Amino acid sequence: MDEPKPLGIGPMSGENLKPQRNPSWSGTLLRVVLICGGSVAILLPAWLPNRPSVPIERGTVELLQAFLLVAAAAVILGASTHAGRNRPVCRVLAMGLCAAFVGEIDDFISGIMRINFPEGWAVGFILLFALVTIYRNRRVMFHFFSTMGNHAGSGLIGSALLIIYVFNRVIGSTRFWKATLGDAFSPEVPRICKSYLELLAFYLIFIGILGLSITLARRKEL
């Protein structure tokens, strides 16, 4: 009588899966230093001394935010050609980034260039197309979102969302800075802080999307 084989042994088992490269502490340290250095560099214009005016939401900072979003969308779209069955995941993420890009660039187009831009219709159309893609590929999308916590990039994206929707609500609040600065309060302070924190959040999103793109592009079909 044949003995039963232990579970998990076979051609599809995890013991046959080998990492593509050996882990390197120096490579990990280099990535950490680069990410931290980028986080400092992205906020450098706010620390330049003796500036008569700091670029705020409707100027340079907004363009940098939009650039990071469109760059992240380009990266994830490039990874979609190598993502196999996860190609719809890349497309949905790219559409979400494009919708955010449209929302960020609207103030620059409408307020500075004086062009009537239908932001709501554009964002609604992109999100509708994304929902249709999610519905048509719901099994793949459900599997991705159920395992998203295993990706390092998801932590950076989650941190960015916390900055935008939680932390920034406090730091960008006029009442917070009135209570902090007292008579030294200036209306520009909360606007500048909110703008640069959003810029930092979009940088974290770009790094997180870069990590997800590498992971999805390397994933092999079973």
C-alpha atoms as a PDB file:
ATOM      1  CA  MET A   1       0.000   0.000   0.000  1.00  0.00           C
ATOM      2  CA  ASP A   2       1.449   3.328  -1.058  1.00  0.00           C
ATOM      3  CA  GLU A   3       2.059   5.875   1.656  1.00  0.00           C
ATOM      4  CA  PRO A   4       0.202   9.155   1.246  1.00  0.00           C
ATOM      5  CA  LYS A   5       2.369  11.988   0.064  1.00  0.00           C
ATOM      6  CA  PRO A   6       2.710  14.991   2.331  1.00  0.00           C
ATOM      7  CA  LEU A   7       0.658  17.978   1.343  1.00  0.00           C
ATOM      8  CA  GLY A   8       2.415  20.653  -0.686  1.00  0.00           C
ATOM      9  CA  ILE A   9       4.915  18.338  -2.446  1.00  0.00           C
ATOM     10  CA  GLY A  10       4.644  18.182  -6.215  1.00  0.00           C
ATOM     11  CA  PRO A  11       5.471  20.084  -9.348  1.00  0.00           C
ATOM     12  CA  MET A  12       3.186  22.972  -8.331  1.00  0.00           C
ATOM     13  CA  SER A  13       4.334  23.149  -4.695  1.00  0.00           C
ATOM     14  CA  GLY A  14       6.030  26.060  -3.083  1.00  0.00           C
ATOM     15  CA  GLU A  15       9.337  24.204  -2.574  1.00  0.00           C
ATOM     16  CA  ASN A  16      10.085  24.469  -6.289  1.00  0.00           C
ATOM     17  CA  LEU A  17       9.615  28.228  -6.306  1.00  0.00           C
ATOM     18  CA  LYS A  18      12.968  29.971  -6.009  1.00  0.00           C
ATOM     19  CA  PRO A  19      13.578  33.681  -5.697  1.00  0.00           C
ATOM     20  CA  GLN A  20      14.860  35.277  -8.850  1.00  0.00           C
ATOM     21  CA  ARG A  21      17.810  36.787  -6.989  1.00  0.00           C
ATOM     22  CA  ASN A  22      19.422  36.405  -3.586  1.00  0.00           C
ATOM     23  CA  PRO A  23      18.386  38.982  -0.993  1.00  0.00           C
ATOM     24  CA  SER A  24      20.927  41.735  -0.528  1.00  0.00           C
ATOM     25  CA  TRP A  25      21.078  43.953   2.542  1.00  0.00           C
ATOM     26  CA  SER A  26      23.050  46.553   0.614  1.00  0.00           C
ATOM     27  CA  GLY A  27      20.406  46.688  -2.132  1.00  0.00           C
ATOM     28  CA  THR A  28      17.638  47.033   0.445  1.00  0.00           C
ATOM     29  CA  LEU A  29      19.564  49.791   2.242  1.00  0.00           C
ATOM     30  CA  LEU A  30      20.114  51.600  -1.056  1.00  0.00           C
ATOM     31  CA  ARG A  31      16.386  51.508  -1.863  1.00  0.00           C
ATOM     32  CA  VAL A  32      15.530  52.857   1.602  1.00  0.00           C
ATOM     33  CA  VAL A  33      18.046  55.682   1.231  1.00  0.00           C
ATOM     34  CA  LEU A  34      16.739  56.572  -2.245  1.00  0.00           C
ATOM     35  CA  ILE A  35      13.115  56.669  -1.084  1.00  0.00           C
ATOM     36  CA  CYS A  36      13.961  58.794   1.968  1.00  0.00           C
ATOM     37  CA  GLY A  37      16.179  61.056  -0.123  1.00  0.00           C
ATOM     38  CA  GLY A  38      13.392  61.545  -2.638  1.00  0.00           C
ATOM     39  CA  SER A  39      10.968  62.397   0.164  1.00  0.00           C
ATOM     40  CA  VAL A  40      13.339  65.122   1.366  1.00  0.00           C
ATOM     41  CA  ALA A  41      14.118  66.420  -2.131  1.00  0.00           C
ATOM     42  CA  ILE A  42      10.452  66.674  -3.130  1.00  0.00           C
ATOM     43  CA  LEU A  43       9.889  69.164  -0.289  1.00  0.00           C
ATOM     44  CA  LEU A  44      13.120  71.104  -0.845  1.00  0.00           C
ATOM     45  CA  PRO A  45      11.489  74.191  -2.479  1.00  0.00           C
ATOM     46  CA  ALA A  46       9.556  74.824   0.737  1.00  0.00           C
ATOM     47  CA  TRP A  47      12.806  75.185   2.679  1.00  0.00           C
ATOM     48  CA  LEU A  48      14.633  77.615   0.403  1.00  0.00           C
ATOM     49  CA  PRO A  49      15.467  80.769   2.423  1.00  0.00           C
ATOM     50  CA  ASN A  50      14.412  84.324   1.645  1.00  0.00           C
ATOM     51  CA  ARG A  51      11.811  83.400  -0.938  1.00  0.00           C
ATOM     52  CA  PRO A  52       9.283  86.208  -1.465  1.00  0.00           C
ATOM     53  CA  SER A  53       6.636  83.702  -2.501  1.00  0.00           C
ATOM     54  CA  VAL A  54       6.484  79.946  -2.145  1.00  0.00           C
ATOM     55  CA  PRO A  55       4.852  77.990  -4.990  1.00  0.00           C
ATOM     56  CA  ILE A  56       1.441  76.897  -3.802  1.00  0.00           C
ATOM     57  CA  GLU A  57      -1.449  74.804  -5.033  1.00  0.00           C
ATOM     58  CA  ARG A  58      -2.164  76.609  -8.298  1.00  0.00           C
ATOM     59  CA  GLY A  59       1.454  76.824  -9.470  1.00  0.00           C
ATOM     60  CA  THR A  60       4.609  74.752  -9.484  1.00  0.00           C
ATOM     61  CA  VAL A  61       3.552  72.314  -6.777  1.00  0.00           C
ATOM     62  CA  GLU A  62       0.339  71.394  -8.554  1.00  0.00           C
ATOM     63  CA  LEU A  63       2.253  70.689 -11.770  1.00  0.00           C
ATOM     64  CA  LEU A  64       4.674  68.472  -9.843  1.00  0.00           C
ATOM     65  CA  GLN A  65       1.736  66.600  -8.336  1.00  0.00           C
ATOM     66  CA  ALA A  66       0.213  66.070 -11.771  1.00  0.00           C
ATOM     67  CA  PHE A  67       3.575  64.953 -13.179  1.00  0.00           C
ATOM     68  CA  LEU A  68       3.985  62.297 -10.476  1.00  0.00           C
ATOM     69  CA  LEU A  69       0.483  60.976 -11.145  1.00  0.00           C
ATOM     70  CA  VAL A  70       0.904  60.769 -14.913  1.00  0.00           C
ATOM     71  CA  ALA A  71       4.356  59.207 -14.477  1.00  0.00           C
ATOM     72  CA  ALA A  72       2.873  56.554 -12.176  1.00  0.00           C
ATOM     73  CA  ALA A  73       0.121  55.868 -14.739  1.00  0.00           C
ATOM     74  CA  ALA A  74       2.736  55.470 -17.482  1.00  0.00           C
ATOM     75  CA  VAL A  75       4.762  53.038 -15.348  1.00  0.00           C
ATOM     76  CA  ILE A  76       1.791  50.802 -14.534  1.00  0.00           C
ATOM     77  CA  LEU A  77       0.633  50.818 -18.161  1.00  0.00           C
ATOM     78  CA  GLY A  78       4.121  49.777 -19.230  1.00  0.00           C
ATOM     79  CA  ALA A  79       4.011  46.911 -16.740  1.00  0.00           C
ATOM     80  CA  SER A  80       0.649  45.725 -18.091  1.00  0.00           C
ATOM     81  CA  THR A  81       2.299  44.256 -21.212  1.00  0.00           C
ATOM     82  CA  HIS A  82       4.214  41.815 -18.981  1.00  0.00           C
ATOM     83  CA  ALA A  83       1.560  41.259 -16.296  1.00  0.00           C
ATOM     84  CA  GLY A  84      -0.232  38.329 -17.957  1.00  0.00           C
ATOM     85  CA  ARG A  85      -3.561  37.660 -16.285  1.00  0.00           C
ATOM     86  CA  ASN A  86      -3.024  40.685 -14.038  1.00  0.00           C
ATOM     87  CA  ARG A  87      -3.214  43.017 -17.030  1.00  0.00           C
ATOM     88  CA  PRO A  88      -6.714  44.281 -16.026  1.00  0.00           C
ATOM     89  CA  VAL A  89      -5.314  45.161 -12.589  1.00  0.00           C
ATOM     90  CA  CYS A  90      -2.700  47.394 -14.188  1.00  0.00           C
ATOM     91  CA  ARG A  91      -5.327  49.029 -16.385  1.00  0.00           C
ATOM     92  CA  VAL A  92      -7.638  49.778 -13.444  1.00  0.00           C
ATOM     93  CA  LEU A  93      -4.788  51.277 -11.419  1.00  0.00           C
ATOM     94  CA  ALA A  94      -3.751  53.377 -14.429  1.00  0.00           C
ATOM     95  CA  MET A  95      -7.309  54.649 -14.882  1.00  0.00           C
ATOM     96  CA  GLY A  96      -7.508  55.607 -11.212  1.00  0.00           C
ATOM     97  CA  LEU A  97      -4.261  57.535 -11.536  1.00  0.00           C
ATOM     98  CA  CYS A  98      -5.511  59.254 -14.699  1.00  0.00           C
ATOM     99  CA  ALA A  99      -8.685  60.312 -12.892  1.00  0.00           C
ATOM    100  CA  ALA A 100      -6.576  61.769 -10.081  1.00  0.00           C
ATOM    101  CA  PHE A 101      -4.402  63.525 -12.681  1.00  0.00           C
ATOM    102  CA  VAL A 102      -7.463  65.138 -14.264  1.00  0.00           C
ATOM    103  CA  GLY A 103      -8.625  66.316 -10.844  1.00  0.00           C
ATOM    104  CA  GLU A 104      -5.241  67.877 -10.076  1.00  0.00           C
ATOM    105  CA  ILE A 105      -4.699  69.582 -13.426  1.00  0.00           C
ATOM    106  CA  ASP A 106      -8.182  71.120 -13.554  1.00  0.00           C
ATOM    107  CA  ASP A 107      -7.335  74.088 -11.333  1.00  0.00           C
ATOM    108  CA  PHE A 108      -4.285  74.905 -13.458  1.00  0.00           C
ATOM    109  CA  ILE A 109      -6.232  74.695 -16.734  1.00  0.00           C
ATOM    110  CA  SER A 110      -9.333  76.534 -15.535  1.00  0.00           C
ATOM    111  CA  GLY A 111      -7.746  79.003 -13.133  1.00  0.00           C
ATOM    112  CA  ILE A 112      -4.474  79.910 -14.819  1.00  0.00           C
ATOM    113  CA  MET A 113      -4.962  79.088 -18.507  1.00  0.00           C
ATOM    114  CA  ARG A 114      -8.612  80.243 -18.405  1.00  0.00           C
ATOM    115  CA  ILE A 115      -9.815  77.217 -20.382  1.00  0.00           C
ATOM    116  CA  ASN A 116     -13.225  75.747 -19.608  1.00  0.00           C
ATOM    117  CA  PHE A 117     -12.382  72.136 -18.752  1.00  0.00           C
ATOM    118  CA  PRO A 118     -15.170  69.600 -17.972  1.00  0.00           C
ATOM    119  CA  GLU A 119     -13.381  67.960 -15.053  1.00  0.00           C
ATOM    120  CA  GLY A 120     -16.432  66.172 -13.653  1.00  0.00           C
ATOM    121  CA  TRP A 121     -17.377  64.560 -16.955  1.00  0.00           C
ATOM    122  CA  ALA A 122     -13.808  63.463 -17.650  1.00  0.00           C
ATOM    123  CA  VAL A 123     -13.306  61.939 -14.198  1.00  0.00           C
ATOM    124  CA  GLY A 124     -16.741  60.283 -14.317  1.00  0.00           C
ATOM    125  CA  PHE A 125     -16.046  58.708 -17.712  1.00  0.00           C
ATOM    126  CA  ILE A 126     -12.672  57.339 -16.568  1.00  0.00           C
ATOM    127  CA  LEU A 127     -14.096  55.908 -13.346  1.00  0.00           C
ATOM    128  CA  LEU A 128     -17.045  54.373 -15.211  1.00  0.00           C
ATOM    129  CA  PHE A 129     -14.662  52.638 -17.590  1.00  0.00           C
ATOM    130  CA  ALA A 130     -12.651  51.430 -14.594  1.00  0.00           C
ATOM    131  CA  LEU A 131     -15.780  49.985 -12.937  1.00  0.00           C
ATOM    132  CA  VAL A 132     -16.696  48.161 -16.142  1.00  0.00           C
ATOM    133  CA  THR A 133     -13.186  46.695 -16.296  1.00  0.00           C
ATOM    134  CA  ILE A 134     -13.409  45.615 -12.658  1.00  0.00           C
ATOM    135  CA  TYR A 135     -16.773  43.913 -13.254  1.00  0.00           C
ATOM    136  CA  ARG A 136     -15.583  42.086 -16.364  1.00  0.00           C
ATOM    137  CA  ASN A 137     -12.461  40.840 -14.555  1.00  0.00           C
ATOM    138  CA  ARG A 138     -13.856  40.604 -11.030  1.00  0.00           C
ATOM    139  CA  ARG A 139     -12.138  37.316 -10.140  1.00  0.00           C
ATOM    140  CA  VAL A 140      -8.683  38.657 -10.980  1.00  0.00           C
ATOM    141  CA  MET A 141      -9.429  41.971  -9.272  1.00  0.00           C
ATOM    142  CA  PHE A 142     -10.752  40.277  -6.130  1.00  0.00           C
ATOM    143  CA  HIS A 143      -7.643  38.092  -5.917  1.00  0.00           C
ATOM    144  CA  PHE A 144      -5.373  41.106  -6.331  1.00  0.00           C
ATOM    145  CA  PHE A 145      -7.099  43.188  -3.652  1.00  0.00           C
ATOM    146  CA  SER A 146      -7.234  40.207  -1.262  1.00  0.00           C
ATOM    147  CA  THR A 147      -3.442  39.789  -1.553  1.00  0.00           C
ATOM    148  CA  MET A 148      -2.543  43.468  -1.900  1.00  0.00           C
ATOM    149  CA  GLY A 149      -1.316  43.577   1.697  1.00  0.00           C
ATOM    150  CA  ASN A 150       1.548  41.272   0.701  1.00  0.00           C
ATOM    151  CA  HIS A 151       3.047  43.950  -1.554  1.00  0.00           C
ATOM    152  CA  ALA A 152       5.429  46.507  -0.069  1.00  0.00           C
ATOM    153  CA  GLY A 153       4.100  49.128  -2.475  1.00  0.00           C
ATOM    154  CA  SER A 154       0.632  48.919  -0.970  1.00  0.00           C
ATOM    155  CA  GLY A 155       2.012  50.218   2.335  1.00  0.00           C
ATOM    156  CA  LEU A 156       3.391  53.324   0.639  1.00  0.00           C
ATOM    157  CA  ILE A 157       0.118  53.905  -1.196  1.00  0.00           C
ATOM    158  CA  GLY A 158      -1.836  53.411   2.029  1.00  0.00           C
ATOM    159  CA  SER A 159       0.419  55.930   3.795  1.00  0.00           C
ATOM    160  CA  ALA A 160      -0.168  58.423   0.978  1.00  0.00           C
ATOM    161  CA  LEU A 161      -3.935  58.034   1.255  1.00  0.00           C
ATOM    162  CA  LEU A 162      -3.725  58.578   5.024  1.00  0.00           C
ATOM    163  CA  ILE A 163      -1.767  61.790   4.414  1.00  0.00           C
ATOM    164  CA  ILE A 164      -4.303  63.073   1.870  1.00  0.00           C
ATOM    165  CA  TYR A 165      -7.571  62.124   3.565  1.00  0.00           C
ATOM    166  CA  VAL A 166      -6.689  62.104   7.290  1.00  0.00           C
ATOM    167  CA  PHE A 167      -3.464  63.856   8.269  1.00  0.00           C
ATOM    168  CA  ASN A 168      -3.830  66.639   5.724  1.00  0.00           C
ATOM    169  CA  ARG A 169      -7.289  67.488   7.035  1.00  0.00           C
ATOM    170  CA  VAL A 170      -5.630  68.565  10.287  1.00  0.00           C
ATOM    171  CA  ILE A 171      -2.438  70.157   8.977  1.00  0.00           C
ATOM    172  CA  GLY A 172      -4.373  71.968   6.242  1.00  0.00           C
ATOM    173  CA  SER A 173      -6.926  73.305   8.707  1.00  0.00           C
ATOM    174  CA  THR A 174      -7.005  77.039   9.368  1.00  0.00           C
ATOM    175  CA  ARG A 175      -8.145  76.507  12.966  1.00  0.00           C
ATOM    176  CA  PHE A 176      -5.164  74.219  13.661  1.00  0.00           C
ATOM    177  CA  TRP A 177      -2.652  76.872  12.598  1.00  0.00           C
ATOM    178  CA  LYS A 178      -4.533  79.705  14.344  1.00  0.00           C
ATOM    179  CA  ALA A 179      -4.329  77.737  17.580  1.00  0.00           C
ATOM    180  CA  THR A 180      -0.664  76.912  16.958  1.00  0.00           C
ATOM    181  CA  LEU A 181       0.690  80.282  15.784  1.00  0.00           C
ATOM    182  CA  GLY A 182      -1.673  82.672  17.493  1.00  0.00           C
ATOM    183  CA  ASP A 183      -1.016  86.268  16.420  1.00  0.00           C
ATOM    184  CA  ALA A 184       1.681  85.127  13.982  1.00  0.00           C
ATOM    185  CA  PHE A 185      -0.881  83.237  11.878  1.00  0.00           C
ATOM    186  CA  SER A 186      -0.939  83.882   8.132  1.00  0.00           C
ATOM    187  CA  PRO A 187      -3.631  82.554   5.749  1.00  0.00           C
ATOM    188  CA  GLU A 188      -0.900  81.246   3.441  1.00  0.00           C
ATOM    189  CA  VAL A 189       0.494  78.821   6.045  1.00  0.00           C
ATOM    190  CA  PRO A 190      -2.253  76.127   5.899  1.00  0.00           C
ATOM    191  CA  ARG A 191      -2.422  76.351   2.094  1.00  0.00           C
ATOM    192  CA  ILE A 192       1.324  75.856   1.705  1.00  0.00           C
ATOM    193  CA  CYS A 193       1.472  73.013   4.234  1.00  0.00           C
ATOM    194  CA  LYS A 194      -1.486  71.240   2.643  1.00  0.00           C
ATOM    195  CA  SER A 195      -0.029  71.626  -0.835  1.00  0.00           C
ATOM    196  CA  TYR A 196       3.390  70.238   0.033  1.00  0.00           C
ATOM    197  CA  LEU A 197       1.953  67.365   2.045  1.00  0.00           C
ATOM    198  CA  GLU A 198      -0.118  66.377  -0.982  1.00  0.00           C
ATOM    199  CA  LEU A 199       3.042  66.535  -3.077  1.00  0.00           C
ATOM    200  CA  LEU A 200       4.758  64.168  -0.636  1.00  0.00           C
ATOM    201  CA  ALA A 201       1.738  61.847  -0.765  1.00  0.00           C
ATOM    202  CA  PHE A 202       1.830  61.720  -4.575  1.00  0.00           C
ATOM    203  CA  TYR A 203       5.537  60.912  -4.430  1.00  0.00           C
ATOM    204  CA  LEU A 204       4.769  57.978  -2.129  1.00  0.00           C
ATOM    205  CA  ILE A 205       2.053  56.865  -4.556  1.00  0.00           C
ATOM    206  CA  PHE A 206       4.577  56.984  -7.409  1.00  0.00           C
ATOM    207  CA  ILE A 207       7.069  54.837  -5.463  1.00  0.00           C
ATOM    208  CA  GLY A 208       4.305  52.420  -4.415  1.00  0.00           C
ATOM    209  CA  ILE A 209       3.045  52.065  -7.989  1.00  0.00           C
ATOM    210  CA  LEU A 210       6.623  51.454  -9.130  1.00  0.00           C
ATOM    211  CA  GLY A 211       6.906  48.596  -6.632  1.00  0.00           C
ATOM    212  CA  LEU A 212       3.551  47.109  -7.644  1.00  0.00           C
ATOM    213  CA  SER A 213       4.478  47.372 -11.325  1.00  0.00           C
ATOM    214  CA  ILE A 214       7.689  45.415 -10.790  1.00  0.00           C
ATOM    215  CA  THR A 215       5.838  42.752  -8.812  1.00  0.00           C
ATOM    216  CA  LEU A 216       3.030  42.370 -11.339  1.00  0.00           C
ATOM    217  CA  ALA A 217       5.395  42.298 -14.302  1.00  0.00           C
ATOM    218  CA  ARG A 218       7.485  39.548 -12.700  1.00  0.00           C
ATOM    219  CA  ARG A 219       4.522  37.374 -11.703  1.00  0.00           C
ATOM    220  CA  LYS A 220       4.470  34.089 -13.569  1.00  0.00           C
ATOM    221  CA  GLU A 221       1.437  32.220 -14.817  1.00  0.00           C
ATOM    222  CA  LEU A 222       0.635  28.906 -13.081  1.00  0.00           C
END
